[in-house]
Full PDB file with SEQRES, HELIX, SHEET, SSBOND, CRYST1, ORIGX, SCALE, CONECT and MASTER records, all heavy atoms in Angstrom:
SEQRES   1 A   37  SER LEU GLY MET GLN ARG ARG VAL ALA LEU ALA ARG ALA          
SEQRES   2 A   37  PHE ALA ILE GLU PRO ASP VAL LEU LEU MET ASP GLU PRO          
SEQRES   3 A   37  PHE THR SER LEU ASP GLU ALA THR ALA ASP ARG                  
HELIX    1 AA1 LEU A    2  ALA A   15  1                                  14    
HELIX    2 AA2 GLU A   32  ASP A   36  1                                   5    
CRYST1    1.000    1.000    1.000  90.00  90.00  90.00 P 1           1          
ORIGX1      1.000000  0.000000  0.000000        0.00000                         
ORIGX2      0.000000  1.000000  0.000000        0.00000                         
ORIGX3      0.000000  0.000000  1.000000        0.00000                         
SCALE1      1.000000  0.000000  0.000000        0.00000                         
SCALE2      0.000000  1.000000  0.000000        0.00000                         
SCALE3      0.000000  0.000000  1.000000        0.00000                         
ATOM      1  N   SER A   1     107.622  77.200 102.609  1.00  0.00           N  
ATOM      2  CA  SER A   1     107.687  78.169 101.516  1.00  0.00           C  
ATOM      3  C   SER A   1     108.170  79.511 102.074  1.00  0.00           C  
ATOM      4  O   SER A   1     108.165  79.748 103.292  1.00  0.00           O  
ATOM      5  CB  SER A   1     106.304  78.350 100.894  1.00  0.00           C  
ATOM      6  OG  SER A   1     105.426  78.973 101.817  1.00  0.00           O  
ATOM      7  N   LEU A   2     108.575  80.405 101.163  1.00  0.00           N  
ATOM      8  CA  LEU A   2     109.027  81.731 101.598  1.00  0.00           C  
ATOM      9  C   LEU A   2     107.915  82.472 102.327  1.00  0.00           C  
ATOM     10  O   LEU A   2     108.159  83.127 103.352  1.00  0.00           O  
ATOM     11  CB  LEU A   2     109.501  82.543 100.389  1.00  0.00           C  
ATOM     12  CG  LEU A   2     109.977  83.972 100.674  1.00  0.00           C  
ATOM     13  CD1 LEU A   2     111.137  83.975 101.668  1.00  0.00           C  
ATOM     14  CD2 LEU A   2     110.369  84.674  99.377  1.00  0.00           C  
ATOM     15  N   GLY A   3     106.687  82.358 101.835  1.00  0.00           N  
ATOM     16  CA  GLY A   3     105.578  83.017 102.502  1.00  0.00           C  
ATOM     17  C   GLY A   3     105.374  82.516 103.920  1.00  0.00           C  
ATOM     18  O   GLY A   3     105.126  83.301 104.850  1.00  0.00           O  
ATOM     19  N   MET A   4     105.497  81.190 104.132  1.00  0.00           N  
ATOM     20  CA  MET A   4     105.332  80.625 105.473  1.00  0.00           C  
ATOM     21  C   MET A   4     106.506  81.003 106.369  1.00  0.00           C  
ATOM     22  O   MET A   4     106.338  81.260 107.563  1.00  0.00           O  
ATOM     23  CB  MET A   4     105.172  79.111 105.372  1.00  0.00           C  
ATOM     24  CG  MET A   4     103.883  78.688 104.693  1.00  0.00           C  
ATOM     25  SD  MET A   4     103.664  76.889 104.599  1.00  0.00           S  
ATOM     26  CE  MET A   4     103.186  76.523 106.281  1.00  0.00           C  
ATOM     27  N   GLN A   5     107.714  81.058 105.803  1.00  0.00           N  
ATOM     28  CA  GLN A   5     108.860  81.513 106.592  1.00  0.00           C  
ATOM     29  C   GLN A   5     108.640  82.946 107.086  1.00  0.00           C  
ATOM     30  O   GLN A   5     108.994  83.282 108.217  1.00  0.00           O  
ATOM     31  CB  GLN A   5     110.139  81.440 105.758  1.00  0.00           C  
ATOM     32  CG  GLN A   5     110.643  80.033 105.503  1.00  0.00           C  
ATOM     33  CD  GLN A   5     111.939  80.016 104.719  1.00  0.00           C  
ATOM     34  OE1 GLN A   5     112.778  80.911 104.852  1.00  0.00           O  
ATOM     35  NE2 GLN A   5     112.110  79.015 103.876  1.00  0.00           N  
ATOM     36  N   ARG A   6     108.043  83.755 106.239  1.00  0.00           N  
ATOM     37  CA  ARG A   6     107.803  85.145 106.643  1.00  0.00           C  
ATOM     38  C   ARG A   6     106.712  85.241 107.699  1.00  0.00           C  
ATOM     39  O   ARG A   6     106.722  86.141 108.532  1.00  0.00           O  
ATOM     40  CB  ARG A   6     107.481  85.993 105.413  1.00  0.00           C  
ATOM     41  CG  ARG A   6     108.745  86.227 104.596  1.00  0.00           C  
ATOM     42  CD  ARG A   6     108.554  87.201 103.484  1.00  0.00           C  
ATOM     43  NE  ARG A   6     109.856  87.610 102.978  1.00  0.00           N  
ATOM     44  CZ  ARG A   6     110.096  87.983 101.746  1.00  0.00           C  
ATOM     45  NH1 ARG A   6     109.117  88.010 100.868  1.00  0.00           N  
ATOM     46  NH2 ARG A   6     111.303  88.364 101.370  1.00  0.00           N  
ATOM     47  N   ARG A   7     105.771  84.320 107.686  1.00  0.00           N  
ATOM     48  CA  ARG A   7     104.795  84.269 108.780  1.00  0.00           C  
ATOM     49  C   ARG A   7     105.500  83.978 110.104  1.00  0.00           C  
ATOM     50  O   ARG A   7     105.187  84.574 111.139  1.00  0.00           O  
ATOM     51  CB  ARG A   7     103.764  83.170 108.522  1.00  0.00           C  
ATOM     52  CG  ARG A   7     102.743  83.487 107.462  1.00  0.00           C  
ATOM     53  CD  ARG A   7     101.555  82.547 107.595  1.00  0.00           C  
ATOM     54  NE  ARG A   7     100.956  82.218 106.330  1.00  0.00           N  
ATOM     55  CZ  ARG A   7      99.892  81.465 106.165  1.00  0.00           C  
ATOM     56  NH1 ARG A   7      99.322  80.920 107.242  1.00  0.00           N  
ATOM     57  NH2 ARG A   7      99.393  81.214 104.973  1.00  0.00           N  
ATOM     58  N   VAL A   8     106.441  83.055 110.066  1.00  0.00           N  
ATOM     59  CA  VAL A   8     107.188  82.714 111.289  1.00  0.00           C  
ATOM     60  C   VAL A   8     107.986  83.925 111.774  1.00  0.00           C  
ATOM     61  O   VAL A   8     108.024  84.225 112.973  1.00  0.00           O  
ATOM     62  CB  VAL A   8     108.128  81.514 111.040  1.00  0.00           C  
ATOM     63  CG1 VAL A   8     108.929  81.200 112.298  1.00  0.00           C  
ATOM     64  CG2 VAL A   8     107.327  80.290 110.601  1.00  0.00           C  
ATOM     65  N   ALA A   9     108.636  84.634 110.841  1.00  0.00           N  
ATOM     66  CA  ALA A   9     109.394  85.828 111.214  1.00  0.00           C  
ATOM     67  C   ALA A   9     108.484  86.880 111.838  1.00  0.00           C  
ATOM     68  O   ALA A   9     108.859  87.563 112.805  1.00  0.00           O  
ATOM     69  CB  ALA A   9     110.110  86.394 109.989  1.00  0.00           C  
ATOM     70  N   LEU A  10     107.267  87.001 111.312  1.00  0.00           N  
ATOM     71  CA  LEU A  10     106.299  87.948 111.862  1.00  0.00           C  
ATOM     72  C   LEU A  10     105.866  87.522 113.266  1.00  0.00           C  
ATOM     73  O   LEU A  10     105.780  88.353 114.183  1.00  0.00           O  
ATOM     74  CB  LEU A  10     105.098  88.026 110.921  1.00  0.00           C  
ATOM     75  CG  LEU A  10     104.128  89.194 111.089  1.00  0.00           C  
ATOM     76  CD1 LEU A  10     104.836  90.524 110.959  1.00  0.00           C  
ATOM     77  CD2 LEU A  10     103.003  89.085 110.057  1.00  0.00           C  
ATOM     78  N   ALA A  11     105.624  86.231 113.445  1.00  0.00           N  
ATOM     79  CA  ALA A  11     105.255  85.723 114.769  1.00  0.00           C  
ATOM     80  C   ALA A  11     106.375  85.967 115.769  1.00  0.00           C  
ATOM     81  O   ALA A  11     106.129  86.355 116.916  1.00  0.00           O  
ATOM     82  CB  ALA A  11     104.932  84.232 114.684  1.00  0.00           C  
ATOM     83  N   ARG A  12     107.617  85.743 115.362  1.00  0.00           N  
ATOM     84  CA  ARG A  12     108.766  85.971 116.257  1.00  0.00           C  
ATOM     85  C   ARG A  12     108.842  87.437 116.666  1.00  0.00           C  
ATOM     86  O   ARG A  12     109.155  87.757 117.814  1.00  0.00           O  
ATOM     87  CB  ARG A  12     110.052  85.541 115.562  1.00  0.00           C  
ATOM     88  CG  ARG A  12     111.305  85.658 116.431  1.00  0.00           C  
ATOM     89  CD  ARG A  12     112.522  85.116 115.713  1.00  0.00           C  
ATOM     90  NE  ARG A  12     112.767  85.828 114.458  1.00  0.00           N  
ATOM     91  CZ  ARG A  12     113.651  85.418 113.535  1.00  0.00           C  
ATOM     92  NH1 ARG A  12     114.341  84.308 113.720  1.00  0.00           N  
ATOM     93  NH2 ARG A  12     113.820  86.109 112.425  1.00  0.00           N  
ATOM     94  N   ALA A  13     108.547  88.342 115.723  1.00  0.00           N  
ATOM     95  CA  ALA A  13     108.585  89.770 116.043  1.00  0.00           C  
ATOM     96  C   ALA A  13     107.528  90.130 117.086  1.00  0.00           C  
ATOM     97  O   ALA A  13     107.794  90.895 118.020  1.00  0.00           O  
ATOM     98  CB  ALA A  13     108.377  90.591 114.768  1.00  0.00           C  
ATOM     99  N   PHE A  14     106.316  89.580 116.940  1.00  0.00           N  
ATOM    100  CA  PHE A  14     105.245  89.911 117.873  1.00  0.00           C  
ATOM    101  C   PHE A  14     105.394  89.187 119.209  1.00  0.00           C  
ATOM    102  O   PHE A  14     104.717  89.542 120.176  1.00  0.00           O  
ATOM    103  CB  PHE A  14     103.890  89.591 117.251  1.00  0.00           C  
ATOM    104  CG  PHE A  14     103.358  90.684 116.374  1.00  0.00           C  
ATOM    105  CD1 PHE A  14     103.439  90.595 114.993  1.00  0.00           C  
ATOM    106  CD2 PHE A  14     102.790  91.817 116.921  1.00  0.00           C  
ATOM    107  CE1 PHE A  14     102.956  91.604 114.173  1.00  0.00           C  
ATOM    108  CE2 PHE A  14     102.298  92.847 116.117  1.00  0.00           C  
ATOM    109  CZ  PHE A  14     102.392  92.735 114.734  1.00  0.00           C  
ATOM    110  N   ALA A  15     106.268  88.203 119.265  1.00  0.00           N  
ATOM    111  CA  ALA A  15     106.430  87.425 120.501  1.00  0.00           C  
ATOM    112  C   ALA A  15     106.838  88.295 121.686  1.00  0.00           C  
ATOM    113  O   ALA A  15     106.460  88.016 122.824  1.00  0.00           O  
ATOM    114  CB  ALA A  15     107.455  86.310 120.292  1.00  0.00           C  
ATOM    115  N   ILE A  16     107.604  89.347 121.420  1.00  0.00           N  
ATOM    116  CA  ILE A  16     108.065  90.199 122.530  1.00  0.00           C  
ATOM    117  C   ILE A  16     107.089  91.338 122.820  1.00  0.00           C  
ATOM    118  O   ILE A  16     107.369  92.187 123.659  1.00  0.00           O  
ATOM    119  CB  ILE A  16     109.461  90.779 122.243  1.00  0.00           C  
ATOM    120  CG1 ILE A  16     109.423  91.710 121.027  1.00  0.00           C  
ATOM    121  CG2 ILE A  16     110.487  89.668 122.063  1.00  0.00           C  
ATOM    122  CD1 ILE A  16     110.692  92.525 120.853  1.00  0.00           C  
ATOM    123  N   GLU A  17     105.936  91.365 122.127  1.00  0.00           N  
ATOM    124  CA  GLU A  17     104.973  92.458 122.264  1.00  0.00           C  
ATOM    125  C   GLU A  17     105.685  93.803 122.121  1.00  0.00           C  
ATOM    126  O   GLU A  17     105.770  94.599 123.058  1.00  0.00           O  
ATOM    127  CB  GLU A  17     104.223  92.366 123.589  1.00  0.00           C  
ATOM    128  CG  GLU A  17     103.354  91.130 123.691  1.00  0.00           C  
ATOM    129  CD  GLU A  17     102.386  91.174 124.862  1.00  0.00           C  
ATOM    130  OE1 GLU A  17     102.557  92.048 125.746  1.00  0.00           O  
ATOM    131  OE2 GLU A  17     101.472  90.350 124.888  1.00  0.00           O  
ATOM    132  N   PRO A  18     106.182  94.102 120.921  1.00  0.00           N  
ATOM    133  CA  PRO A  18     107.021  95.287 120.754  1.00  0.00           C  
ATOM    134  C   PRO A  18     106.252  96.599 120.900  1.00  0.00           C  
ATOM    135  O   PRO A  18     105.072  96.688 120.558  1.00  0.00           O  
ATOM    136  CB  PRO A  18     107.549  95.134 119.319  1.00  0.00           C  
ATOM    137  CG  PRO A  18     106.490  94.338 118.621  1.00  0.00           C  
ATOM    138  CD  PRO A  18     105.997  93.367 119.657  1.00  0.00           C  
ATOM    139  N   ASP A  19     106.953  97.607 121.411  1.00  0.00           N  
ATOM    140  CA  ASP A  19     106.437  98.974 121.385  1.00  0.00           C  
ATOM    141  C   ASP A  19     106.594  99.541 119.974  1.00  0.00           C  
ATOM    142  O   ASP A  19     105.735 100.275 119.495  1.00  0.00           O  
ATOM    143  CB  ASP A  19     107.214  99.867 122.357  1.00  0.00           C  
ATOM    144  CG  ASP A  19     107.196  99.343 123.772  1.00  0.00           C  
ATOM    145  OD1 ASP A  19     106.102  99.041 124.268  1.00  0.00           O  
ATOM    146  OD2 ASP A  19     108.274  99.233 124.384  1.00  0.00           O  
ATOM    147  N   VAL A  20     107.725  99.212 119.354  1.00  0.00           N  
ATOM    148  CA  VAL A  20     108.049  99.699 118.014  1.00  0.00           C  
ATOM    149  C   VAL A  20     108.376  98.496 117.133  1.00  0.00           C  
ATOM    150  O   VAL A  20     109.191  97.649 117.502  1.00  0.00           O  
ATOM    151  CB  VAL A  20     109.254 100.665 118.049  1.00  0.00           C  
ATOM    152  CG1 VAL A  20     109.631 101.111 116.639  1.00  0.00           C  
ATOM    153  CG2 VAL A  20     108.944 101.882 118.925  1.00  0.00           C  
ATOM    154  N   LEU A  21     107.733  98.438 115.963  1.00  0.00           N  
ATOM    155  CA  LEU A  21     107.955  97.352 115.019  1.00  0.00           C  
ATOM    156  C   LEU A  21     108.541  97.934 113.732  1.00  0.00           C  
ATOM    157  O   LEU A  21     107.913  98.763 113.073  1.00  0.00           O  
ATOM    158  CB  LEU A  21     106.637  96.640 114.718  1.00  0.00           C  
ATOM    159  CG  LEU A  21     106.660  95.524 113.668  1.00  0.00           C  
ATOM    160  CD1 LEU A  21     107.613  94.404 114.073  1.00  0.00           C  
ATOM    161  CD2 LEU A  21     105.252  94.980 113.428  1.00  0.00           C  
ATOM    162  N   LEU A  22     109.761  97.512 113.393  1.00  0.00           N  
ATOM    163  CA  LEU A  22     110.438  97.948 112.180  1.00  0.00           C  
ATOM    164  C   LEU A  22     110.320  96.845 111.139  1.00  0.00           C  
ATOM    165  O   LEU A  22     110.584  95.673 111.433  1.00  0.00           O  
ATOM    166  CB  LEU A  22     111.921  98.242 112.459  1.00  0.00           C  
ATOM    167  CG  LEU A  22     112.228  99.205 113.607  1.00  0.00           C  
ATOM    168  CD1 LEU A  22     113.738  99.338 113.802  1.00  0.00           C  
ATOM    169  CD2 LEU A  22     111.590 100.570 113.368  1.00  0.00           C  
ATOM    170  N   MET A  23     109.934  97.211 109.908  1.00  0.00           N  
ATOM    171  CA  MET A  23     109.719  96.212 108.868  1.00  0.00           C  
ATOM    172  C   MET A  23     110.360  96.695 107.567  1.00  0.00           C  
ATOM    173  O   MET A  23     110.023  97.770 107.059  1.00  0.00           O  
ATOM    174  CB  MET A  23     108.219  95.958 108.676  1.00  0.00           C  
ATOM    175  CG  MET A  23     107.493  95.605 109.957  1.00  0.00           C  
ATOM    176  SD  MET A  23     105.800  95.009 109.692  1.00  0.00           S  
ATOM    177  CE  MET A  23     106.120  93.356 109.099  1.00  0.00           C  
ATOM    178  N   ASP A  24     111.281  95.901 107.050  1.00  0.00           N  
ATOM    179  CA  ASP A  24     112.045  96.288 105.866  1.00  0.00           C  
ATOM    180  C   ASP A  24     111.620  95.441 104.670  1.00  0.00           C  
ATOM    181  O   ASP A  24     112.153  94.351 104.440  1.00  0.00           O  
ATOM    182  CB  ASP A  24     113.544  96.125 106.145  1.00  0.00           C  
ATOM    183  CG  ASP A  24     114.404  96.672 105.018  1.00  0.00           C  
ATOM    184  OD1 ASP A  24     113.847  97.252 104.071  1.00  0.00           O  
ATOM    185  OD2 ASP A  24     115.635  96.517 105.081  1.00  0.00           O  
ATOM    186  N   GLU A  25     110.647  95.923 103.906  1.00  0.00           N  
ATOM    187  CA  GLU A  25     110.135  95.239 102.718  1.00  0.00           C  
ATOM    188  C   GLU A  25     109.920  93.738 102.961  1.00  0.00           C  
ATOM    189  O   GLU A  25     110.437  92.897 102.229  1.00  0.00           O  
ATOM    190  CB  GLU A  25     111.077  95.462 101.529  1.00  0.00           C  
ATOM    191  CG  GLU A  25     111.306  96.940 101.245  1.00  0.00           C  
ATOM    192  CD  GLU A  25     111.647  97.236  99.808  1.00  0.00           C  
ATOM    193  OE1 GLU A  25     110.931  96.771  98.911  1.00  0.00           O  
ATOM    194  OE2 GLU A  25     112.625  97.954  99.581  1.00  0.00           O  
ATOM    195  N   PRO A  26     109.149  93.391 103.994  1.00  0.00           N  
ATOM    196  CA  PRO A  26     109.009  91.975 104.368  1.00  0.00           C  
ATOM    197  C   PRO A  26     108.188  91.141 103.400  1.00  0.00           C  
ATOM    198  O   PRO A  26     108.175  89.918 103.514  1.00  0.00           O  
ATOM    199  CB  PRO A  26     108.318  92.051 105.733  1.00  0.00           C  
ATOM    200  CG  PRO A  26     107.509  93.313 105.661  1.00  0.00           C  
ATOM    201  CD  PRO A  26     108.346  94.267 104.869  1.00  0.00           C  
ATOM    202  N   PHE A  27     107.484  91.786 102.453  1.00  0.00           N  
ATOM    203  CA  PHE A  27     106.634  91.029 101.540  1.00  0.00           C  
ATOM    204  C   PHE A  27     107.185  90.986 100.121  1.00  0.00           C  
ATOM    205  O   PHE A  27     106.487  90.571  99.192  1.00  0.00           O  
ATOM    206  CB  PHE A  27     105.213  91.625 101.523  1.00  0.00           C  
ATOM    207  CG  PHE A  27     104.596  91.761 102.886  1.00  0.00           C  
ATOM    208  CD1 PHE A  27     103.768  92.820 103.195  1.00  0.00           C  
ATOM    209  CD2 PHE A  27     104.857  90.825 103.884  1.00  0.00           C  
ATOM    210  CE1 PHE A  27     103.205  92.955 104.454  1.00  0.00           C  
ATOM    211  CE2 PHE A  27     104.306  90.945 105.154  1.00  0.00           C  
ATOM    212  CZ  PHE A  27     103.475  92.011 105.435  1.00  0.00           C  
ATOM    213  N   THR A  28     108.430  91.411  99.945  1.00  0.00           N  
ATOM    214  CA  THR A  28     109.022  91.415  98.609  1.00  0.00           C  
ATOM    215  C   THR A  28     109.251  89.983  98.125  1.00  0.00           C  
ATOM    216  O   THR A  28     109.406  89.052  98.921  1.00  0.00           O  
ATOM    217  CB  THR A  28     110.360  92.188  98.624  1.00  0.00           C  
ATOM    218  OG1 THR A  28     110.801  92.392  97.281  1.00  0.00           O  
ATOM    219  CG2 THR A  28     111.440  91.443  99.386  1.00  0.00           C  
ATOM    220  N   SER A  29     109.232  89.796  96.816  1.00  0.00           N  
ATOM    221  CA  SER A  29     109.472  88.495  96.159  1.00  0.00           C  
ATOM    222  C   SER A  29     108.352  87.486  96.385  1.00  0.00           C  
ATOM    223  O   SER A  29     108.536  86.298  96.125  1.00  0.00           O  
ATOM    224  CB  SER A  29     110.806  87.878  96.613  1.00  0.00           C  
ATOM    225  OG  SER A  29     111.876  88.754  96.358  1.00  0.00           O  
ATOM    226  N   LEU A  30     107.211  87.937  96.865  1.00  0.00           N  
ATOM    227  CA  LEU A  30     106.062  87.040  97.042  1.00  0.00           C  
ATOM    228  C   LEU A  30     105.038  87.302  95.945  1.00  0.00           C  
ATOM    229  O   LEU A  30     104.912  88.425  95.442  1.00  0.00           O  
ATOM    230  CB  LEU A  30     105.407  87.280  98.405  1.00  0.00           C  
ATOM    231  CG  LEU A  30     106.236  86.966  99.648  1.00  0.00           C  
ATOM    232  CD1 LEU A  30     105.458  87.374 100.894  1.00  0.00           C  
ATOM    233  CD2 LEU A  30     106.613  85.499  99.702  1.00  0.00           C  
ATOM    234  N   ASP A  31     104.279  86.263  95.580  1.00  0.00           N  
ATOM    235  CA  ASP A  31     103.183  86.498  94.663  1.00  0.00           C  
ATOM    236  C   ASP A  31     102.115  87.340  95.368  1.00  0.00           C  
ATOM    237  O   ASP A  31     102.065  87.400  96.602  1.00  0.00           O  
ATOM    238  CB  ASP A  31     102.593  85.179  94.162  1.00  0.00           C  
ATOM    239  CG  ASP A  31     101.967  84.358  95.288  1.00  0.00           C  
ATOM    240  OD1 ASP A  31     100.805  84.634  95.647  1.00  0.00           O  
ATOM    241  OD2 ASP A  31     102.655  83.467  95.819  1.00  0.00           O  
ATOM    242  N   GLU A  32     101.282  87.999  94.599  1.00  0.00           N  
ATOM    243  CA  GLU A  32     100.361  88.988  95.156  1.00  0.00           C  
ATOM    244  C   GLU A  32      99.376  88.372  96.150  1.00  0.00           C  
ATOM    245  O   GLU A  32      99.063  88.972  97.183  1.00  0.00           O  
ATOM    246  CB  GLU A  32      99.593  89.693  94.037  1.00  0.00           C  
ATOM    247  CG  GLU A  32      98.789  90.901  94.496  1.00  0.00           C  
ATOM    248  CD  GLU A  32      99.625  91.966  95.192  1.00  0.00           C  
ATOM    249  OE1 GLU A  32     100.832  92.092  94.884  1.00  0.00           O  
ATOM    250  OE2 GLU A  32      99.069  92.673  96.059  1.00  0.00           O  
ATOM    251  N   ALA A  33      98.905  87.163  95.875  1.00  0.00           N  
ATOM    252  CA  ALA A  33      97.950  86.527  96.792  1.00  0.00           C  
ATOM    253  C   ALA A  33      98.592  86.245  98.146  1.00  0.00           C  
ATOM    254  O   ALA A  33      97.993  86.492  99.199  1.00  0.00           O  
ATOM    255  CB  ALA A  33      97.418  85.234  96.175  1.00  0.00           C  
ATOM    256  N   THR A  34      99.821  85.740  98.124  1.00  0.00           N  
ATOM    257  CA  THR A  34     100.526  85.451  99.379  1.00  0.00           C  
ATOM    258  C   THR A  34     100.833  86.738 100.127  1.00  0.00           C  
ATOM    259  O   THR A  34     100.661  86.819 101.356  1.00  0.00           O  
ATOM    260  CB  THR A  34     101.835  84.692  99.096  1.00  0.00           C  
ATOM    261  OG1 THR A  34     101.535  83.472  98.415  1.00  0.00           O  
ATOM    262  CG2 THR A  34     102.576  84.372 100.383  1.00  0.00           C  
ATOM    263  N   ALA A  35     101.283  87.764  99.399  1.00  0.00           N  
ATOM    264  CA  ALA A  35     101.579  89.047 100.039  1.00  0.00           C  
ATOM    265  C   ALA A  35     100.323  89.632 100.670  1.00  0.00           C  
ATOM    266  O   ALA A  35     100.371  90.178 101.784  1.00  0.00           O  
ATOM    267  CB  ALA A  35     102.168  90.014  99.017  1.00  0.00           C  
ATOM    268  N   ASP A  36      99.180  89.505  99.989  1.00  0.00           N  
ATOM    269  CA  ASP A  36      97.930  90.032 100.541  1.00  0.00           C  
ATOM    270  C   ASP A  36      97.529  89.308 101.820  1.00  0.00           C  
ATOM    271  O   ASP A  36      97.043  89.928 102.772  1.00  0.00           O  
ATOM    272  CB  ASP A  36      96.807  89.921  99.510  1.00  0.00           C  
ATOM    273  CG  ASP A  36      96.392  91.270  98.955  1.00  0.00           C  
ATOM    274  OD1 ASP A  36      96.785  92.297  99.540  1.00  0.00           O  
ATOM    275  OD2 ASP A  36      95.693  91.307  97.936  1.00  0.00           O  
ATOM    276  N   ARG A  37      97.736  87.998 101.858  1.00  0.00           N  
ATOM    277  CA  ARG A  37      97.427  87.245 103.082  1.00  0.00           C  
ATOM    278  C   ARG A  37      98.303  87.725 104.240  1.00  0.00           C  
ATOM    279  O   ARG A  37      97.836  87.859 105.377  1.00  0.00           O  
ATOM    280  CB  ARG A  37      97.619  85.745 102.846  1.00  0.00           C  
ATOM    281  CG  ARG A  37      96.496  85.097 102.044  1.00  0.00           C  
ATOM    282  CD  ARG A  37      96.537  83.584 102.142  1.00  0.00           C  
ATOM    283  NE  ARG A  37      97.719  83.022 101.499  1.00  0.00           N  
ATOM    284  CZ  ARG A  37      97.792  82.694 100.224  1.00  0.00           C  
ATOM    285  NH1 ARG A  37      96.750  82.892  99.421  1.00  0.00           N  
ATOM    286  NH2 ARG A  37      98.899  82.176  99.718  1.00  0.00           N  
TER     287      ARG A  37                                                      
MASTER        0    0    0    2    0    0    0    6  286    1    0    3          
END                                                                             
């Protein structure tokens, strides 16, 4: 699902242990329950 794909994208971002994390409306188009999770 789109929500699970976004979890993977989030995991990939944290994989490098970033100093700076840029996020461009990553929870858009999700239902409220999924976005809250």
